Amino acid sequence: MTESKPRPLISVQERLRDQVAHALRAALISGELRPGVVYSAPALAADFGVSATPVREAMLDLAREGLVEAVRNKGFRVTEMTERDLDDYTEIRALIEVPTVGRVTRTATPQQLEALRSDAEAIVAAARRHDLIAYLEADRHFHLTLLGLAGNARLVEVVGDLRKRSRLYGLTRLDQRGELVSSAEEHLELLDLMLAGDAEAAEACMARHLGHVRSLWAEGREELEEEKPALRLGMR
């Protein structure tokens, strides 16, 4: 019997960096960290109650993903996304996710699909109680787990990366207007169509859902542009 090699130890610092990176991604997606604004690692570290080192390391991870860019001697600037970027990301997601939903509808077992219901319900519940972090986490888990049923890990990685890059602008304000709830409920509608075995309707629902998300991006971006002059005045 051969001895197994010892697994590499994961340091506390590495875990902390991952936790900070996760929190920063959530803040980026929800709009708490605004595009074009420069944030310093020490200031963010103070907000998180940690040292500046894991924040800098987490920000470097986000820079490799294209979410922020380093600004010499100042910190990190949240990258701005154009309308073309949003359209491109939505198109790629639709090309991947819509047919994959149809394939999964035809091949997944009812038990596999029903296992997604808790995530779908969690998305709706989070939207109703205005918990954006829980909303984003449940939404991510639902979509990537669903795609994982197709059996292609690389496909899941690609969509996961697209989701990180295609941030939702102004999510907080859209939540305040009650528009996130209807988007959240589309997950339950999609799941019911898949359980009914209606692949064509499930594909149409996914396409509509992605289009709805794109419209939320557009509205949030417009509101962000309207707020920029006031933000600049406040920063003087």
C-alpha atoms as a PDB file:
ATOM      1  CA  MET A   1       0.000   0.000   0.000  1.00  0.00           C
ATOM      2  CA  THR A   2       1.532   3.273  -1.103  1.00  0.00           C
ATOM      3  CA  GLU A   3       1.504   6.281   1.142  1.00  0.00           C
ATOM      4  CA  SER A   4      -0.584   9.162  -0.103  1.00  0.00           C
ATOM      5  CA  LYS A   5       1.115  12.495  -0.552  1.00  0.00           C
ATOM      6  CA  PRO A   6       0.226  15.080   2.084  1.00  0.00           C
ATOM      7  CA  ARG A   7      -2.204  17.682   0.842  1.00  0.00           C
ATOM      8  CA  PRO A   8      -0.879  21.245   0.673  1.00  0.00           C
ATOM      9  CA  LEU A   9      -2.019  23.260   3.646  1.00  0.00           C
ATOM     10  CA  ILE A  10      -4.311  26.201   3.032  1.00  0.00           C
ATOM     11  CA  SER A  11      -3.181  29.088   5.183  1.00  0.00           C
ATOM     12  CA  VAL A  12      -5.499  31.305   7.174  1.00  0.00           C
ATOM     13  CA  GLN A  13      -4.272  34.205   5.019  1.00  0.00           C
ATOM     14  CA  GLU A  14      -5.378  32.398   1.845  1.00  0.00           C
ATOM     15  CA  ARG A  15      -8.833  31.722   3.256  1.00  0.00           C
ATOM     16  CA  LEU A  16      -9.138  35.331   4.360  1.00  0.00           C
ATOM     17  CA  ARG A  17      -8.112  36.547   0.903  1.00  0.00           C
ATOM     18  CA  ASP A  18     -10.782  34.344  -0.702  1.00  0.00           C
ATOM     19  CA  GLN A  19     -13.416  35.619   1.720  1.00  0.00           C
ATOM     20  CA  VAL A  20     -12.477  39.218   1.014  1.00  0.00           C
ATOM     21  CA  ALA A  21     -12.482  38.577  -2.744  1.00  0.00           C
ATOM     22  CA  HIS A  22     -15.962  37.070  -2.472  1.00  0.00           C
ATOM     23  CA  ALA A  23     -17.216  40.088  -0.523  1.00  0.00           C
ATOM     24  CA  LEU A  24     -15.633  42.487  -3.023  1.00  0.00           C
ATOM     25  CA  ARG A  25     -17.236  40.679  -5.970  1.00  0.00           C
ATOM     26  CA  ALA A  26     -20.610  40.939  -4.268  1.00  0.00           C
ATOM     27  CA  ALA A  27     -20.039  44.662  -3.687  1.00  0.00           C
ATOM     28  CA  LEU A  28     -19.052  45.114  -7.323  1.00  0.00           C
ATOM     29  CA  ILE A  29     -22.097  43.283  -8.636  1.00  0.00           C
ATOM     30  CA  SER A  30     -24.519  45.064  -6.330  1.00  0.00           C
ATOM     31  CA  GLY A  31     -23.078  48.462  -7.240  1.00  0.00           C
ATOM     32  CA  GLU A  32     -21.711  49.320  -3.797  1.00  0.00           C
ATOM     33  CA  LEU A  33     -18.301  49.716  -5.434  1.00  0.00           C
ATOM     34  CA  ARG A  34     -18.833  52.057  -8.356  1.00  0.00           C
ATOM     35  CA  PRO A  35     -17.208  51.920 -11.808  1.00  0.00           C
ATOM     36  CA  GLY A  36     -14.557  54.575 -12.360  1.00  0.00           C
ATOM     37  CA  VAL A  37     -14.008  55.200  -8.650  1.00  0.00           C
ATOM     38  CA  VAL A  38     -10.586  54.485  -7.111  1.00  0.00           C
ATOM     39  CA  TYR A  39     -10.604  52.581  -3.812  1.00  0.00           C
ATOM     40  CA  SER A  40      -7.589  52.198  -1.545  1.00  0.00           C
ATOM     41  CA  ALA A  41      -6.767  48.876   0.075  1.00  0.00           C
ATOM     42  CA  PRO A  42      -6.364  50.402   3.579  1.00  0.00           C
ATOM     43  CA  ALA A  43      -9.801  52.063   3.396  1.00  0.00           C
ATOM     44  CA  LEU A  44     -11.480  48.858   2.240  1.00  0.00           C
ATOM     45  CA  ALA A  45      -9.570  46.897   4.870  1.00  0.00           C
ATOM     46  CA  ALA A  46     -10.961  49.193   7.539  1.00  0.00           C
ATOM     47  CA  ASP A  47     -14.490  48.556   6.246  1.00  0.00           C
ATOM     48  CA  PHE A  48     -13.942  44.795   6.399  1.00  0.00           C
ATOM     49  CA  GLY A  49     -12.125  44.887   9.725  1.00  0.00           C
ATOM     50  CA  VAL A  50      -9.025  43.150   8.337  1.00  0.00           C
ATOM     51  CA  SER A  51      -5.468  44.133   7.468  1.00  0.00           C
ATOM     52  CA  ALA A  52      -4.688  45.686   4.093  1.00  0.00           C
ATOM     53  CA  THR A  53      -2.705  42.656   2.851  1.00  0.00           C
ATOM     54  CA  PRO A  54      -5.609  40.259   2.093  1.00  0.00           C
ATOM     55  CA  VAL A  55      -7.511  43.146   0.508  1.00  0.00           C
ATOM     56  CA  ARG A  56      -4.601  43.924  -1.835  1.00  0.00           C
ATOM     57  CA  GLU A  57      -4.255  40.231  -2.714  1.00  0.00           C
ATOM     58  CA  ALA A  58      -8.001  39.931  -3.341  1.00  0.00           C
ATOM     59  CA  MET A  59      -7.956  43.054  -5.496  1.00  0.00           C
ATOM     60  CA  LEU A  60      -5.120  41.577  -7.570  1.00  0.00           C
ATOM     61  CA  ASP A  61      -7.292  38.490  -8.118  1.00  0.00           C
ATOM     62  CA  LEU A  62     -10.118  40.747  -9.304  1.00  0.00           C
ATOM     63  CA  ALA A  63      -7.690  42.620 -11.559  1.00  0.00           C
ATOM     64  CA  ARG A  64      -6.787  39.340 -13.276  1.00  0.00           C
ATOM     65  CA  GLU A  65     -10.507  38.832 -13.887  1.00  0.00           C
ATOM     66  CA  GLY A  66     -10.787  42.286 -15.440  1.00  0.00           C
ATOM     67  CA  LEU A  67     -13.071  43.647 -12.714  1.00  0.00           C
ATOM     68  CA  VAL A  68     -10.656  46.277 -11.386  1.00  0.00           C
ATOM     69  CA  GLU A  69      -7.387  47.872 -12.496  1.00  0.00           C
ATOM     70  CA  ALA A  70      -4.462  48.949 -10.378  1.00  0.00           C
ATOM     71  CA  VAL A  71      -3.816  52.692 -10.068  1.00  0.00           C
ATOM     72  CA  ARG A  72      -0.218  53.392  -9.096  1.00  0.00           C
ATOM     73  CA  ASN A  73       0.174  54.719  -5.533  1.00  0.00           C
ATOM     74  CA  LYS A  74      -3.580  55.128  -5.133  1.00  0.00           C
ATOM     75  CA  GLY A  75      -5.342  51.778  -5.117  1.00  0.00           C
ATOM     76  CA  PHE A  76      -7.716  50.075  -7.535  1.00  0.00           C
ATOM     77  CA  ARG A  77     -10.242  51.511  -9.967  1.00  0.00           C
ATOM     78  CA  VAL A  78     -13.413  49.568 -10.724  1.00  0.00           C
ATOM     79  CA  THR A  79     -13.461  49.012 -14.480  1.00  0.00           C
ATOM     80  CA  GLU A  80     -16.322  50.567 -16.397  1.00  0.00           C
ATOM     81  CA  MET A  81     -18.482  48.474 -18.690  1.00  0.00           C
ATOM     82  CA  THR A  82     -19.854  49.752 -21.987  1.00  0.00           C
ATOM     83  CA  GLU A  83     -23.206  48.972 -23.562  1.00  0.00           C
ATOM     84  CA  ARG A  84     -21.300  46.879 -26.102  1.00  0.00           C
ATOM     85  CA  ASP A  85     -19.722  44.864 -23.287  1.00  0.00           C
ATOM     86  CA  LEU A  86     -23.134  44.172 -21.780  1.00  0.00           C
ATOM     87  CA  ASP A  87     -24.552  43.120 -25.145  1.00  0.00           C
ATOM     88  CA  ASP A  88     -21.571  40.861 -25.853  1.00  0.00           C
ATOM     89  CA  TYR A  89     -21.748  39.119 -22.469  1.00  0.00           C
ATOM     90  CA  THR A  90     -25.504  38.624 -22.773  1.00  0.00           C
ATOM     91  CA  GLU A  91     -25.147  37.205 -26.284  1.00  0.00           C
ATOM     92  CA  ILE A  92     -22.474  34.724 -25.216  1.00  0.00           C
ATOM     93  CA  ARG A  93     -24.497  33.625 -22.193  1.00  0.00           C
ATOM     94  CA  ALA A  94     -27.572  33.134 -24.367  1.00  0.00           C
ATOM     95  CA  LEU A  95     -25.609  31.089 -26.913  1.00  0.00           C
ATOM     96  CA  ILE A  96     -24.419  28.814 -24.114  1.00  0.00           C
ATOM     97  CA  GLU A  97     -27.209  28.723 -21.550  1.00  0.00           C
ATOM     98  CA  VAL A  98     -30.348  28.602 -23.706  1.00  0.00           C
ATOM     99  CA  PRO A  99     -29.517  25.375 -25.609  1.00  0.00           C
ATOM    100  CA  THR A 100     -27.934  23.868 -22.494  1.00  0.00           C
ATOM    101  CA  VAL A 101     -31.192  24.349 -20.594  1.00  0.00           C
ATOM    102  CA  GLY A 102     -32.982  22.490 -23.385  1.00  0.00           C
ATOM    103  CA  ARG A 103     -30.449  19.654 -23.246  1.00  0.00           C
ATOM    104  CA  VAL A 104     -30.636  19.382 -19.468  1.00  0.00           C
ATOM    105  CA  THR A 105     -34.446  19.346 -19.649  1.00  0.00           C
ATOM    106  CA  ARG A 106     -34.243  16.291 -21.892  1.00  0.00           C
ATOM    107  CA  THR A 107     -31.550  14.422 -19.961  1.00  0.00           C
ATOM    108  CA  ALA A 108     -31.733  15.305 -16.252  1.00  0.00           C
ATOM    109  CA  THR A 109     -33.772  13.231 -13.833  1.00  0.00           C
ATOM    110  CA  PRO A 110     -36.703  14.778 -11.940  1.00  0.00           C
ATOM    111  CA  GLN A 111     -34.707  14.314  -8.738  1.00  0.00           C
ATOM    112  CA  GLN A 112     -31.767  16.286 -10.126  1.00  0.00           C
ATOM    113  CA  LEU A 113     -34.024  19.125 -11.222  1.00  0.00           C
ATOM    114  CA  GLU A 114     -36.087  19.156  -8.038  1.00  0.00           C
ATOM    115  CA  ALA A 115     -32.863  19.547  -6.068  1.00  0.00           C
ATOM    116  CA  LEU A 116     -32.591  23.028  -7.609  1.00  0.00           C
ATOM    117  CA  ARG A 117     -35.862  24.192  -6.061  1.00  0.00           C
ATOM    118  CA  SER A 118     -34.289  25.252  -2.774  1.00  0.00           C
ATOM    119  CA  ASP A 119     -31.957  27.616  -4.647  1.00  0.00           C
ATOM    120  CA  ALA A 120     -34.818  28.971  -6.787  1.00  0.00           C
ATOM    121  CA  GLU A 121     -36.902  29.613  -3.684  1.00  0.00           C
ATOM    122  CA  ALA A 122     -33.894  31.176  -1.934  1.00  0.00           C
ATOM    123  CA  ILE A 123     -33.499  33.637  -4.822  1.00  0.00           C
ATOM    124  CA  VAL A 124     -37.120  34.762  -4.484  1.00  0.00           C
ATOM    125  CA  ALA A 125     -36.934  34.944  -0.690  1.00  0.00           C
ATOM    126  CA  ALA A 126     -33.754  37.021  -0.812  1.00  0.00           C
ATOM    127  CA  ALA A 127     -35.299  39.430  -3.338  1.00  0.00           C
ATOM    128  CA  ARG A 128     -38.371  39.870  -1.140  1.00  0.00           C
ATOM    129  CA  ARG A 129     -36.346  40.630   1.977  1.00  0.00           C
ATOM    130  CA  HIS A 130     -33.936  42.891   0.037  1.00  0.00           C
ATOM    131  CA  ASP A 131     -30.881  40.759   0.851  1.00  0.00           C
ATOM    132  CA  LEU A 132     -28.761  41.413  -2.237  1.00  0.00           C
ATOM    133  CA  ILE A 133     -25.765  39.339  -1.176  1.00  0.00           C
ATOM    134  CA  ALA A 134     -27.936  36.268  -0.540  1.00  0.00           C
ATOM    135  CA  TYR A 135     -29.775  36.961  -3.803  1.00  0.00           C
ATOM    136  CA  LEU A 136     -26.562  36.998  -5.824  1.00  0.00           C
ATOM    137  CA  GLU A 137     -25.165  33.887  -4.148  1.00  0.00           C
ATOM    138  CA  ALA A 138     -28.349  31.841  -4.602  1.00  0.00           C
ATOM    139  CA  ASP A 139     -28.679  33.040  -8.207  1.00  0.00           C
ATOM    140  CA  ARG A 140     -25.084  32.063  -8.984  1.00  0.00           C
ATOM    141  CA  HIS A 141     -25.480  28.647  -7.377  1.00  0.00           C
ATOM    142  CA  PHE A 142     -28.772  27.948  -9.185  1.00  0.00           C
ATOM    143  CA  HIS A 143     -27.482  28.802 -12.657  1.00  0.00           C
ATOM    144  CA  LEU A 144     -24.109  27.096 -12.359  1.00  0.00           C
ATOM    145  CA  THR A 145     -25.564  23.955 -10.745  1.00  0.00           C
ATOM    146  CA  LEU A 146     -28.197  23.745 -13.470  1.00  0.00           C
ATOM    147  CA  LEU A 147     -25.551  24.043 -16.178  1.00  0.00           C
ATOM    148  CA  GLY A 148     -23.428  21.479 -14.356  1.00  0.00           C
ATOM    149  CA  LEU A 149     -26.133  18.884 -15.039  1.00  0.00           C
ATOM    150  CA  ALA A 150     -25.001  18.964 -18.683  1.00  0.00           C
ATOM    151  CA  GLY A 151     -21.742  17.316 -17.571  1.00  0.00           C
ATOM    152  CA  ASN A 152     -19.360  19.911 -19.049  1.00  0.00           C
ATOM    153  CA  ALA A 153     -17.192  21.480 -16.355  1.00  0.00           C
ATOM    154  CA  ARG A 154     -15.501  23.863 -18.820  1.00  0.00           C
ATOM    155  CA  LEU A 155     -18.880  25.249 -19.841  1.00  0.00           C
ATOM    156  CA  VAL A 156     -19.667  25.998 -16.201  1.00  0.00           C
ATOM    157  CA  GLU A 157     -16.307  27.752 -15.790  1.00  0.00           C
ATOM    158  CA  VAL A 158     -16.926  29.956 -18.828  1.00  0.00           C
ATOM    159  CA  VAL A 159     -20.370  31.025 -17.656  1.00  0.00           C
ATOM    160  CA  GLY A 160     -19.060  31.574 -14.141  1.00  0.00           C
ATOM    161  CA  ASP A 161     -16.408  33.927 -15.524  1.00  0.00           C
ATOM    162  CA  LEU A 162     -18.991  35.751 -17.655  1.00  0.00           C
ATOM    163  CA  ARG A 163     -21.188  36.226 -14.609  1.00  0.00           C
ATOM    164  CA  LYS A 164     -18.281  37.802 -12.716  1.00  0.00           C
ATOM    165  CA  ARG A 165     -17.543  40.192 -15.556  1.00  0.00           C
ATOM    166  CA  SER A 166     -21.145  41.126 -16.350  1.00  0.00           C
ATOM    167  CA  ARG A 167     -21.872  43.052 -13.192  1.00  0.00           C
ATOM    168  CA  LEU A 168     -25.344  44.350 -12.362  1.00  0.00           C
ATOM    169  CA  TYR A 169     -25.347  48.133 -12.166  1.00  0.00           C
ATOM    170  CA  GLY A 170     -27.621  49.847  -9.686  1.00  0.00           C
ATOM    171  CA  LEU A 171     -28.955  46.619  -8.209  1.00  0.00           C
ATOM    172  CA  THR A 172     -29.800  48.349  -4.951  1.00  0.00           C
ATOM    173  CA  ARG A 173     -32.092  50.885  -6.589  1.00  0.00           C
ATOM    174  CA  LEU A 174     -33.748  48.253  -8.773  1.00  0.00           C
ATOM    175  CA  ASP A 175     -34.419  46.258  -5.635  1.00  0.00           C
ATOM    176  CA  GLN A 176     -35.984  49.289  -4.003  1.00  0.00           C
ATOM    177  CA  ARG A 177     -38.337  49.599  -6.974  1.00  0.00           C
ATOM    178  CA  GLY A 178     -39.407  45.960  -6.557  1.00  0.00           C
ATOM    179  CA  GLU A 179     -38.183  44.848  -9.968  1.00  0.00           C
ATOM    180  CA  LEU A 180     -35.881  42.112  -8.691  1.00  0.00           C
ATOM    181  CA  VAL A 181     -38.765  39.990  -7.408  1.00  0.00           C
ATOM    182  CA  SER A 182     -40.228  39.386 -10.865  1.00  0.00           C
ATOM    183  CA  SER A 183     -36.791  38.431 -12.182  1.00  0.00           C
ATOM    184  CA  ALA A 184     -36.289  36.105  -9.211  1.00  0.00           C
ATOM    185  CA  GLU A 185     -39.615  34.359  -9.810  1.00  0.00           C
ATOM    186  CA  GLU A 186     -38.501  33.453 -13.343  1.00  0.00           C
ATOM    187  CA  HIS A 187     -36.214  30.837 -11.782  1.00  0.00           C
ATOM    188  CA  LEU A 188     -39.210  28.950 -10.383  1.00  0.00           C
ATOM    189  CA  GLU A 189     -41.015  29.253 -13.709  1.00  0.00           C
ATOM    190  CA  LEU A 190     -37.967  27.854 -15.509  1.00  0.00           C
ATOM    191  CA  LEU A 191     -37.650  24.960 -13.092  1.00  0.00           C
ATOM    192  CA  ASP A 192     -41.335  24.029 -13.428  1.00  0.00           C
ATOM    193  CA  LEU A 193     -41.062  24.008 -17.227  1.00  0.00           C
ATOM    194  CA  MET A 194     -38.005  21.763 -17.055  1.00  0.00           C
ATOM    195  CA  LEU A 195     -39.732  19.376 -14.649  1.00  0.00           C
ATOM    196  CA  ALA A 196     -42.664  19.253 -17.073  1.00  0.00           C
ATOM    197  CA  GLY A 197     -40.239  18.148 -19.783  1.00  0.00           C
ATOM    198  CA  ASP A 198     -41.033  21.125 -22.047  1.00  0.00           C
ATOM    199  CA  ALA A 199     -37.562  21.824 -23.420  1.00  0.00           C
ATOM    200  CA  GLU A 200     -38.740  24.376 -25.977  1.00  0.00           C
ATOM    201  CA  ALA A 201     -40.629  26.437 -23.405  1.00  0.00           C
ATOM    202  CA  ALA A 202     -37.712  26.157 -20.969  1.00  0.00           C
ATOM    203  CA  GLU A 203     -35.331  27.527 -23.605  1.00  0.00           C
ATOM    204  CA  ALA A 204     -37.724  30.405 -24.294  1.00  0.00           C
ATOM    205  CA  CYS A 205     -37.959  31.138 -20.575  1.00  0.00           C
ATOM    206  CA  MET A 206     -34.183  31.209 -20.203  1.00  0.00           C
ATOM    207  CA  ALA A 207     -33.833  33.516 -23.200  1.00  0.00           C
ATOM    208  CA  ARG A 208     -36.462  35.840 -21.720  1.00  0.00           C
ATOM    209  CA  HIS A 209     -34.762  35.727 -18.321  1.00  0.00           C
ATOM    210  CA  LEU A 210     -31.389  36.720 -19.770  1.00  0.00           C
ATOM    211  CA  GLY A 211     -33.084  39.515 -21.715  1.00  0.00           C
ATOM    212  CA  HIS A 212     -34.723  40.694 -18.503  1.00  0.00           C
ATOM    213  CA  VAL A 213     -31.374  40.720 -16.721  1.00  0.00           C
ATOM    214  CA  ARG A 214     -29.905  42.721 -19.624  1.00  0.00           C
ATOM    215  CA  SER A 215     -32.683  45.295 -19.308  1.00  0.00           C
ATOM    216  CA  LEU A 216     -31.904  45.622 -15.589  1.00  0.00           C
ATOM    217  CA  TRP A 217     -28.279  46.275 -16.489  1.00  0.00           C
ATOM    218  CA  ALA A 218     -29.324  48.990 -18.939  1.00  0.00           C
ATOM    219  CA  GLU A 219     -31.589  50.733 -16.438  1.00  0.00           C
ATOM    220  CA  GLY A 220     -29.022  50.530 -13.676  1.00  0.00           C
ATOM    221  CA  ARG A 221     -26.318  51.885 -15.962  1.00  0.00           C
ATOM    222  CA  GLU A 222     -28.485  54.836 -17.000  1.00  0.00           C
ATOM    223  CA  GLU A 223     -29.131  55.696 -13.364  1.00  0.00           C
ATOM    224  CA  LEU A 224     -25.437  55.395 -12.567  1.00  0.00           C
ATOM    225  CA  GLU A 225     -24.570  57.833 -15.370  1.00  0.00           C
ATOM    226  CA  GLU A 226     -27.134  60.293 -14.017  1.00  0.00           C
ATOM    227  CA  GLU A 227     -25.554  60.065 -10.553  1.00  0.00           C
ATOM    228  CA  LYS A 228     -21.954  60.620 -11.704  1.00  0.00           C
ATOM    229  CA  PRO A 229     -22.038  64.450 -11.787  1.00  0.00           C
ATOM    230  CA  ALA A 230     -23.341  64.546  -8.219  1.00  0.00           C
ATOM    231  CA  LEU A 231     -20.736  62.021  -7.129  1.00  0.00           C
ATOM    232  CA  ARG A 232     -17.943  64.092  -8.676  1.00  0.00           C
ATOM    233  CA  LEU A 233     -19.191  67.222  -6.925  1.00  0.00           C
ATOM    234  CA  GLY A 234     -19.312  65.350  -3.628  1.00  0.00           C
ATOM    235  CA  MET A 235     -15.724  64.150  -4.047  1.00  0.00           C
ATOM    236  CA  ARG A 236     -14.267  67.649  -4.458  1.00  0.00           C
END
